[in-house]
Amino acid sequence: MTVLESAPVKVQTCAGTATHPRPTGQDRYTISEVVAHTGLSAHTLRWYERIGLMPHVDRTHTGQRRFTNKDLDWLSLVGKLRLTGMPVADMVRYAELVREGEHTFGEREELLTAHRESVRQRIAELQDTLQVLDFKIDIYAGARRVTERV
């Protein structure tokens, strides 16, 4: 049975509920398994590590990366931050703060609070745009119904 065929394990993480392919303690994934699980490319995973967005990834004695469920949780959070449009530089800064420890909680909160405000503004803009689209669609749907009756 491969990693993706095993029964997934649901756990609560900082990025919400995550599904891990393997239980904790049995969580040693190759880069190809992480690619299959996350949908990220191997190039992206290596780049995340190179720029400091990924914490240190363990390696085998031959130098192959071995990811853990904790790494998968981190990648899930990074994916959510990407979806919100957080700049890579801010994500890297956040990762640095996490690695520095609990004394950075205040700075982490400030960074995320500022970004949350940006996300809320973008959501409001998207809601306004959605209203315009709905209005236009209603016009065209109404016009189509009128021409279909004629």
N, C-alpha and C. Protein backbone atom coordinates (compact mmCIF):
# COMPACT_ATOMS: atom_id res chain seq x y z
N MET A 1 0.85 -1.17 0.00
CA MET A 1 0.00 0.00 0.00
C MET A 1 0.90 1.24 0.00
N THR A 2 0.64 2.21 -0.89
CA THR A 2 1.45 3.43 -0.95
C THR A 2 0.93 4.45 0.04
N VAL A 3 1.68 5.55 0.17
CA VAL A 3 1.30 6.60 1.12
C VAL A 3 -0.09 7.14 0.83
N LEU A 4 -0.46 7.27 -0.42
CA LEU A 4 -1.76 7.84 -0.74
C LEU A 4 -2.89 6.83 -0.64
N GLU A 5 -2.57 5.54 -0.56
CA GLU A 5 -3.60 4.52 -0.42
C GLU A 5 -3.91 4.21 1.03
N SER A 6 -3.04 4.64 1.96
CA SER A 6 -3.26 4.35 3.36
C SER A 6 -4.41 5.20 3.89
N ALA A 7 -4.97 4.77 5.00
CA ALA A 7 -6.07 5.50 5.61
C ALA A 7 -5.55 6.83 6.16
N PRO A 8 -6.13 7.96 5.71
CA PRO A 8 -5.65 9.26 6.19
C PRO A 8 -6.01 9.48 7.66
N VAL A 9 -5.20 10.27 8.33
CA VAL A 9 -5.40 10.60 9.72
C VAL A 9 -5.72 12.09 9.80
N LYS A 10 -6.87 12.46 10.40
CA LYS A 10 -7.22 13.87 10.55
C LYS A 10 -6.71 14.39 11.88
N VAL A 11 -6.07 15.56 11.83
CA VAL A 11 -5.54 16.20 13.03
C VAL A 11 -5.81 17.69 12.97
N GLN A 12 -5.89 18.31 14.14
CA GLN A 12 -6.07 19.76 14.23
C GLN A 12 -4.70 20.42 14.20
N THR A 13 -4.51 21.40 13.31
CA THR A 13 -3.24 22.09 13.20
C THR A 13 -3.47 23.59 13.24
N CYS A 14 -2.39 24.35 13.19
CA CYS A 14 -2.50 25.81 13.18
C CYS A 14 -3.15 26.31 11.89
N ALA A 15 -3.21 25.47 10.87
CA ALA A 15 -3.82 25.87 9.59
C ALA A 15 -5.21 25.27 9.45
N GLY A 16 -5.79 24.77 10.55
CA GLY A 16 -7.10 24.13 10.49
C GLY A 16 -6.92 22.63 10.61
N THR A 17 -7.94 21.90 10.16
CA THR A 17 -7.86 20.45 10.21
C THR A 17 -7.09 19.95 9.01
N ALA A 18 -6.10 19.11 9.27
CA ALA A 18 -5.26 18.58 8.19
C ALA A 18 -5.46 17.07 8.12
N THR A 19 -5.25 16.54 6.94
CA THR A 19 -5.28 15.11 6.74
C THR A 19 -3.87 14.64 6.46
N HIS A 20 -3.38 13.79 7.34
CA HIS A 20 -2.04 13.23 7.16
C HIS A 20 -2.16 11.83 6.58
N PRO A 21 -1.33 11.53 5.60
CA PRO A 21 -1.35 10.20 5.02
C PRO A 21 -0.94 9.11 6.01
N ARG A 22 -0.08 9.47 6.96
CA ARG A 22 0.41 8.48 7.92
C ARG A 22 0.29 9.03 9.34
N PRO A 23 0.10 8.14 10.29
CA PRO A 23 0.05 8.60 11.69
C PRO A 23 1.39 9.20 12.13
N THR A 24 1.32 10.06 13.13
CA THR A 24 2.54 10.62 13.70
C THR A 24 3.43 9.48 14.18
N GLY A 25 4.71 9.64 14.01
CA GLY A 25 5.65 8.60 14.39
C GLY A 25 6.01 7.71 13.21
N GLN A 26 5.15 7.69 12.20
CA GLN A 26 5.42 6.93 10.98
C GLN A 26 5.50 7.88 9.80
N ASP A 27 5.77 9.13 10.10
CA ASP A 27 5.66 10.20 9.11
C ASP A 27 7.01 10.60 8.52
N ARG A 28 7.51 9.80 7.64
CA ARG A 28 8.76 10.11 6.95
C ARG A 28 8.47 10.05 5.46
N TYR A 29 8.31 11.22 4.83
CA TYR A 29 7.89 11.30 3.45
C TYR A 29 9.04 11.72 2.53
N THR A 30 9.09 11.12 1.38
CA THR A 30 10.04 11.56 0.35
C THR A 30 9.47 12.80 -0.31
N ILE A 31 10.29 13.48 -1.06
CA ILE A 31 9.82 14.68 -1.75
C ILE A 31 8.73 14.32 -2.75
N SER A 32 8.82 13.16 -3.39
CA SER A 32 7.78 12.78 -4.36
C SER A 32 6.46 12.48 -3.66
N GLU A 33 6.50 11.95 -2.44
CA GLU A 33 5.27 11.73 -1.69
C GLU A 33 4.64 13.06 -1.27
N VAL A 34 5.47 14.02 -0.90
CA VAL A 34 4.95 15.34 -0.53
C VAL A 34 4.37 16.03 -1.75
N VAL A 35 5.01 15.88 -2.89
CA VAL A 35 4.48 16.43 -4.15
C VAL A 35 3.09 15.85 -4.41
N ALA A 36 2.95 14.53 -4.28
CA ALA A 36 1.66 13.87 -4.53
C ALA A 36 0.60 14.32 -3.52
N HIS A 37 1.00 14.53 -2.27
CA HIS A 37 0.04 14.90 -1.22
C HIS A 37 -0.38 16.36 -1.31
N THR A 38 0.56 17.25 -1.62
CA THR A 38 0.28 18.69 -1.57
C THR A 38 -0.08 19.30 -2.92
N GLY A 39 0.37 18.68 -4.00
CA GLY A 39 0.18 19.28 -5.31
C GLY A 39 1.25 20.30 -5.66
N LEU A 40 2.17 20.55 -4.73
CA LEU A 40 3.29 21.44 -5.01
C LEU A 40 4.32 20.68 -5.82
N SER A 41 5.11 21.39 -6.59
CA SER A 41 6.17 20.73 -7.35
C SER A 41 7.40 20.55 -6.46
N ALA A 42 8.25 19.62 -6.83
CA ALA A 42 9.51 19.41 -6.12
C ALA A 42 10.35 20.69 -6.18
N HIS A 43 10.30 21.36 -7.32
CA HIS A 43 11.04 22.62 -7.47
C HIS A 43 10.56 23.64 -6.44
N THR A 44 9.23 23.75 -6.26
CA THR A 44 8.67 24.70 -5.30
C THR A 44 9.09 24.34 -3.88
N LEU A 45 9.05 23.06 -3.54
CA LEU A 45 9.46 22.63 -2.19
C LEU A 45 10.93 22.97 -1.93
N ARG A 46 11.78 22.74 -2.92
CA ARG A 46 13.20 23.07 -2.77
C ARG A 46 13.40 24.58 -2.64
N TRP A 47 12.62 25.33 -3.44
CA TRP A 47 12.71 26.80 -3.39
C TRP A 47 12.27 27.31 -2.02
N TYR A 48 11.16 26.77 -1.49
CA TYR A 48 10.70 27.16 -0.15
C TYR A 48 11.81 26.94 0.87
N GLU A 49 12.49 25.83 0.77
CA GLU A 49 13.57 25.53 1.70
C GLU A 49 14.73 26.51 1.51
N ARG A 50 15.07 26.78 0.26
CA ARG A 50 16.20 27.65 -0.05
C ARG A 50 15.98 29.08 0.44
N ILE A 51 14.76 29.62 0.33
CA ILE A 51 14.50 31.00 0.73
C ILE A 51 14.17 31.14 2.21
N GLY A 52 14.09 30.01 2.92
CA GLY A 52 13.83 30.07 4.36
C GLY A 52 12.36 29.99 4.71
N LEU A 53 11.52 29.66 3.75
CA LEU A 53 10.09 29.54 4.04
C LEU A 53 9.76 28.21 4.70
N MET A 54 10.53 27.19 4.39
CA MET A 54 10.38 25.87 5.03
C MET A 54 11.39 25.78 6.16
N PRO A 55 10.95 25.21 7.29
CA PRO A 55 11.94 24.96 8.33
C PRO A 55 12.93 23.90 7.84
N HIS A 56 13.95 23.66 8.61
CA HIS A 56 14.94 22.66 8.23
C HIS A 56 14.24 21.33 7.98
N VAL A 57 14.49 20.74 6.82
CA VAL A 57 13.93 19.43 6.47
C VAL A 57 15.03 18.40 6.71
N ASP A 58 14.68 17.36 7.47
CA ASP A 58 15.66 16.30 7.74
C ASP A 58 16.08 15.62 6.45
N ARG A 59 17.25 15.01 6.50
CA ARG A 59 17.78 14.29 5.34
C ARG A 59 18.29 12.93 5.78
N THR A 60 18.25 12.01 4.82
CA THR A 60 18.81 10.69 5.08
C THR A 60 20.32 10.77 4.98
N HIS A 61 21.00 9.68 5.29
CA HIS A 61 22.46 9.66 5.19
C HIS A 61 22.94 9.86 3.75
N THR A 62 22.03 9.64 2.78
CA THR A 62 22.40 9.88 1.37
C THR A 62 22.00 11.27 0.90
N GLY A 63 21.42 12.09 1.79
CA GLY A 63 21.07 13.46 1.46
C GLY A 63 19.66 13.67 0.94
N GLN A 64 18.85 12.61 0.92
CA GLN A 64 17.47 12.77 0.45
C GLN A 64 16.61 13.40 1.54
N ARG A 65 15.77 14.34 1.13
CA ARG A 65 14.89 15.00 2.09
C ARG A 65 13.87 14.01 2.63
N ARG A 66 13.55 14.16 3.92
CA ARG A 66 12.51 13.37 4.57
C ARG A 66 11.62 14.33 5.34
N PHE A 67 10.41 14.49 4.84
CA PHE A 67 9.44 15.42 5.43
C PHE A 67 8.61 14.70 6.49
N THR A 68 8.08 15.48 7.43
CA THR A 68 7.25 14.94 8.51
C THR A 68 5.84 15.50 8.40
N ASN A 69 4.94 14.98 9.25
CA ASN A 69 3.59 15.54 9.31
C ASN A 69 3.64 17.01 9.72
N LYS A 70 4.57 17.36 10.58
CA LYS A 70 4.73 18.77 10.96
C LYS A 70 5.08 19.62 9.74
N ASP A 71 5.92 19.09 8.87
CA ASP A 71 6.25 19.80 7.62
C ASP A 71 5.00 19.94 6.74
N LEU A 72 4.19 18.89 6.67
CA LEU A 72 2.95 18.96 5.89
C LEU A 72 2.01 20.02 6.47
N ASP A 73 1.93 20.09 7.82
CA ASP A 73 1.11 21.12 8.46
C ASP A 73 1.60 22.51 8.08
N TRP A 74 2.91 22.70 8.11
CA TRP A 74 3.49 23.99 7.76
C TRP A 74 3.17 24.35 6.31
N LEU A 75 3.30 23.37 5.41
CA LEU A 75 3.00 23.61 3.99
C LEU A 75 1.52 23.95 3.80
N SER A 76 0.66 23.36 4.61
CA SER A 76 -0.77 23.69 4.55
C SER A 76 -0.99 25.15 4.94
N LEU A 77 -0.34 25.60 6.01
CA LEU A 77 -0.44 27.00 6.42
C LEU A 77 0.10 27.92 5.34
N VAL A 78 1.26 27.59 4.80
CA VAL A 78 1.85 28.41 3.73
C VAL A 78 0.89 28.49 2.55
N GLY A 79 0.26 27.38 2.21
CA GLY A 79 -0.72 27.38 1.12
C GLY A 79 -1.88 28.32 1.39
N LYS A 80 -2.35 28.34 2.63
CA LYS A 80 -3.45 29.25 2.99
C LYS A 80 -2.98 30.70 2.93
N LEU A 81 -1.78 30.96 3.40
CA LEU A 81 -1.25 32.33 3.33
C LEU A 81 -1.09 32.76 1.87
N ARG A 82 -0.64 31.84 1.01
CA ARG A 82 -0.53 32.15 -0.42
C ARG A 82 -1.89 32.50 -1.00
N LEU A 83 -2.92 31.73 -0.63
CA LEU A 83 -4.27 31.99 -1.14
C LEU A 83 -4.78 33.37 -0.74
N THR A 84 -4.32 33.85 0.40
CA THR A 84 -4.75 35.18 0.84
C THR A 84 -3.99 36.29 0.14
N GLY A 85 -2.96 35.91 -0.63
CA GLY A 85 -2.18 36.92 -1.33
C GLY A 85 -1.05 37.50 -0.52
N MET A 86 -0.68 36.84 0.57
CA MET A 86 0.43 37.36 1.38
C MET A 86 1.70 37.32 0.55
N PRO A 87 2.44 38.43 0.52
CA PRO A 87 3.71 38.44 -0.21
C PRO A 87 4.69 37.41 0.35
N VAL A 88 5.50 36.84 -0.52
CA VAL A 88 6.48 35.83 -0.11
C VAL A 88 7.40 36.38 0.97
N ALA A 89 7.81 37.63 0.84
CA ALA A 89 8.70 38.23 1.84
C ALA A 89 8.05 38.22 3.22
N ASP A 90 6.75 38.48 3.29
CA ASP A 90 6.05 38.45 4.58
C ASP A 90 5.95 37.02 5.11
N MET A 91 5.73 36.06 4.21
CA MET A 91 5.68 34.67 4.65
C MET A 91 7.04 34.22 5.18
N VAL A 92 8.10 34.63 4.52
CA VAL A 92 9.45 34.29 4.98
C VAL A 92 9.71 34.95 6.34
N ARG A 93 9.31 36.19 6.49
CA ARG A 93 9.47 36.88 7.78
C ARG A 93 8.71 36.15 8.87
N TYR A 94 7.48 35.74 8.57
CA TYR A 94 6.67 34.99 9.53
C TYR A 94 7.40 33.69 9.92
N ALA A 95 7.94 32.98 8.94
CA ALA A 95 8.66 31.74 9.20
C ALA A 95 9.87 32.00 10.10
N GLU A 96 10.57 33.09 9.85
CA GLU A 96 11.72 33.45 10.70
C GLU A 96 11.27 33.68 12.13
N LEU A 97 10.15 34.40 12.30
CA LEU A 97 9.63 34.68 13.63
C LEU A 97 9.24 33.40 14.35
N VAL A 98 8.62 32.48 13.63
CA VAL A 98 8.23 31.21 14.23
C VAL A 98 9.48 30.48 14.73
N ARG A 99 10.51 30.45 13.92
CA ARG A 99 11.75 29.77 14.31
C ARG A 99 12.43 30.43 15.50
N GLU A 100 12.23 31.75 15.66
CA GLU A 100 12.87 32.47 16.76
C GLU A 100 12.23 32.14 18.11
N GLY A 101 10.99 31.69 18.11
CA GLY A 101 10.37 31.27 19.37
C GLY A 101 9.22 32.13 19.84
N GLU A 102 8.73 31.76 21.02
CA GLU A 102 7.53 32.37 21.58
C GLU A 102 7.66 33.86 21.85
N HIS A 103 8.86 34.35 22.08
CA HIS A 103 9.02 35.77 22.38
C HIS A 103 8.64 36.65 21.17
N THR A 104 8.38 36.04 20.00
CA THR A 104 7.98 36.81 18.82
C THR A 104 6.47 36.79 18.59
N PHE A 105 5.70 36.27 19.54
CA PHE A 105 4.25 36.20 19.37
C PHE A 105 3.65 37.56 19.01
N GLY A 106 4.10 38.62 19.68
CA GLY A 106 3.56 39.96 19.41
C GLY A 106 3.81 40.40 17.99
N GLU A 107 5.02 40.19 17.51
CA GLU A 107 5.36 40.58 16.14
C GLU A 107 4.60 39.73 15.12
N ARG A 108 4.44 38.45 15.44
CA ARG A 108 3.67 37.57 14.54
C ARG A 108 2.22 38.04 14.47
N GLU A 109 1.67 38.39 15.64
CA GLU A 109 0.28 38.87 15.68
C GLU A 109 0.13 40.14 14.84
N GLU A 110 1.07 41.07 14.97
CA GLU A 110 1.02 42.31 14.20
C GLU A 110 1.06 42.03 12.70
N LEU A 111 1.96 41.15 12.30
CA LEU A 111 2.10 40.81 10.88
C LEU A 111 0.79 40.21 10.34
N LEU A 112 0.22 39.25 11.09
CA LEU A 112 -1.01 38.59 10.63
C LEU A 112 -2.21 39.53 10.71
N THR A 113 -2.26 40.40 11.71
CA THR A 113 -3.37 41.35 11.84
C THR A 113 -3.37 42.33 10.67
N ALA A 114 -2.21 42.84 10.32
CA ALA A 114 -2.11 43.75 9.17
C ALA A 114 -2.53 43.04 7.89
N HIS A 115 -2.09 41.81 7.74
CA HIS A 115 -2.46 41.07 6.53
C HIS A 115 -3.95 40.75 6.51
N ARG A 116 -4.52 40.44 7.67
CA ARG A 116 -5.96 40.17 7.74
C ARG A 116 -6.75 41.38 7.25
N GLU A 117 -6.31 42.57 7.61
CA GLU A 117 -7.02 43.78 7.17
C GLU A 117 -6.95 43.90 5.65
N SER A 118 -5.79 43.60 5.08
CA SER A 118 -5.64 43.61 3.63
C SER A 118 -6.58 42.58 2.98
N VAL A 119 -6.68 41.40 3.57
CA VAL A 119 -7.57 40.36 3.04
C VAL A 119 -9.02 40.82 3.12
N ARG A 120 -9.40 41.43 4.23
CA ARG A 120 -10.79 41.92 4.37
C ARG A 120 -11.11 42.98 3.32
N GLN A 121 -10.15 43.85 3.04
CA GLN A 121 -10.36 44.87 2.01
C GLN A 121 -10.54 44.22 0.64
N ARG A 122 -9.73 43.21 0.35
CA ARG A 122 -9.84 42.51 -0.94
C ARG A 122 -11.16 41.76 -1.04
N ILE A 123 -11.62 41.18 0.07
CA ILE A 123 -12.91 40.48 0.08
C ILE A 123 -14.03 41.48 -0.22
N ALA A 124 -13.98 42.65 0.38
CA ALA A 124 -14.99 43.68 0.13
C ALA A 124 -14.98 44.09 -1.35
N GLU A 125 -13.79 44.26 -1.92
CA GLU A 125 -13.69 44.60 -3.34
C GLU A 125 -14.27 43.48 -4.20
N LEU A 126 -13.97 42.24 -3.85
CA LEU A 126 -14.51 41.11 -4.61
C LEU A 126 -16.03 41.00 -4.47
N GLN A 127 -16.56 41.31 -3.29
CA GLN A 127 -18.01 41.28 -3.11
C GLN A 127 -18.68 42.36 -3.98
N ASP A 128 -18.07 43.54 -4.05
CA ASP A 128 -18.60 44.59 -4.92
C ASP A 128 -18.56 44.14 -6.38
N THR A 129 -17.47 43.53 -6.77
CA THR A 129 -17.32 43.04 -8.14
C THR A 129 -18.34 41.95 -8.43
N LEU A 130 -18.58 41.07 -7.47
CA LEU A 130 -19.56 40.01 -7.63
C LEU A 130 -20.97 40.60 -7.83
N GLN A 131 -21.27 41.66 -7.12
CA GLN A 131 -22.57 42.31 -7.29
C GLN A 131 -22.73 42.85 -8.71
N VAL A 132 -21.68 43.43 -9.26
CA VAL A 132 -21.72 43.92 -10.64
C VAL A 132 -21.94 42.76 -11.60
N LEU A 133 -21.22 41.67 -11.40
CA LEU A 133 -21.40 40.49 -12.26
C LEU A 133 -22.82 39.95 -12.16
N ASP A 134 -23.34 39.83 -10.94
CA ASP A 134 -24.71 39.34 -10.76
C ASP A 134 -25.71 40.25 -11.47
N PHE A 135 -25.52 41.56 -11.37
CA PHE A 135 -26.40 42.52 -12.03
C PHE A 135 -26.38 42.31 -13.54
N LYS A 136 -25.18 42.22 -14.10
CA LYS A 136 -25.06 42.03 -15.56
C LYS A 136 -25.67 40.70 -15.99
N ILE A 137 -25.40 39.64 -15.24
CA ILE A 137 -25.96 38.33 -15.58
C ILE A 137 -27.48 38.37 -15.54
N ASP A 138 -28.04 39.03 -14.54
CA ASP A 138 -29.51 39.16 -14.45
C ASP A 138 -30.07 39.90 -15.65
N ILE A 139 -29.36 40.94 -16.10
CA ILE A 139 -29.82 41.68 -17.29
C ILE A 139 -29.85 40.76 -18.50
N TYR A 140 -28.76 40.02 -18.73
CA TYR A 140 -28.68 39.15 -19.90
C TYR A 140 -29.65 37.98 -19.80
N ALA A 141 -29.83 37.44 -18.61
CA ALA A 141 -30.78 36.33 -18.44
C ALA A 141 -32.20 36.82 -18.68
N GLY A 142 -32.51 38.02 -18.19
CA GLY A 142 -33.84 38.59 -18.42
C GLY A 142 -34.08 38.87 -19.88
N ALA A 143 -33.08 39.42 -20.55
CA ALA A 143 -33.21 39.71 -21.98
C ALA A 143 -33.38 38.42 -22.77
N ARG A 144 -32.69 37.37 -22.39
CA ARG A 144 -32.79 36.09 -23.09
C ARG A 144 -34.19 35.50 -22.91
N ARG A 145 -34.73 35.61 -21.70
CA ARG A 145 -36.08 35.07 -21.45
C ARG A 145 -37.11 35.81 -22.29
N VAL A 146 -36.93 37.14 -22.42
CA VAL A 146 -37.86 37.93 -23.23
C VAL A 146 -37.78 37.51 -24.70
N THR A 147 -36.58 37.35 -25.23
CA THR A 147 -36.44 36.98 -26.64
C THR A 147 -36.90 35.55 -26.88
N GLU A 148 -36.78 34.69 -25.87
CA GLU A 148 -37.23 33.30 -26.04
C GLU A 148 -38.76 33.23 -26.09
N ARG A 149 -39.43 34.15 -25.45
CA ARG A 149 -40.90 34.16 -25.45
C ARG A 149 -41.47 34.75 -26.73
N VAL A 150 -40.68 35.56 -27.42
CA VAL A 150 -41.18 36.24 -28.60
C VAL A 150 -41.26 35.32 -29.78
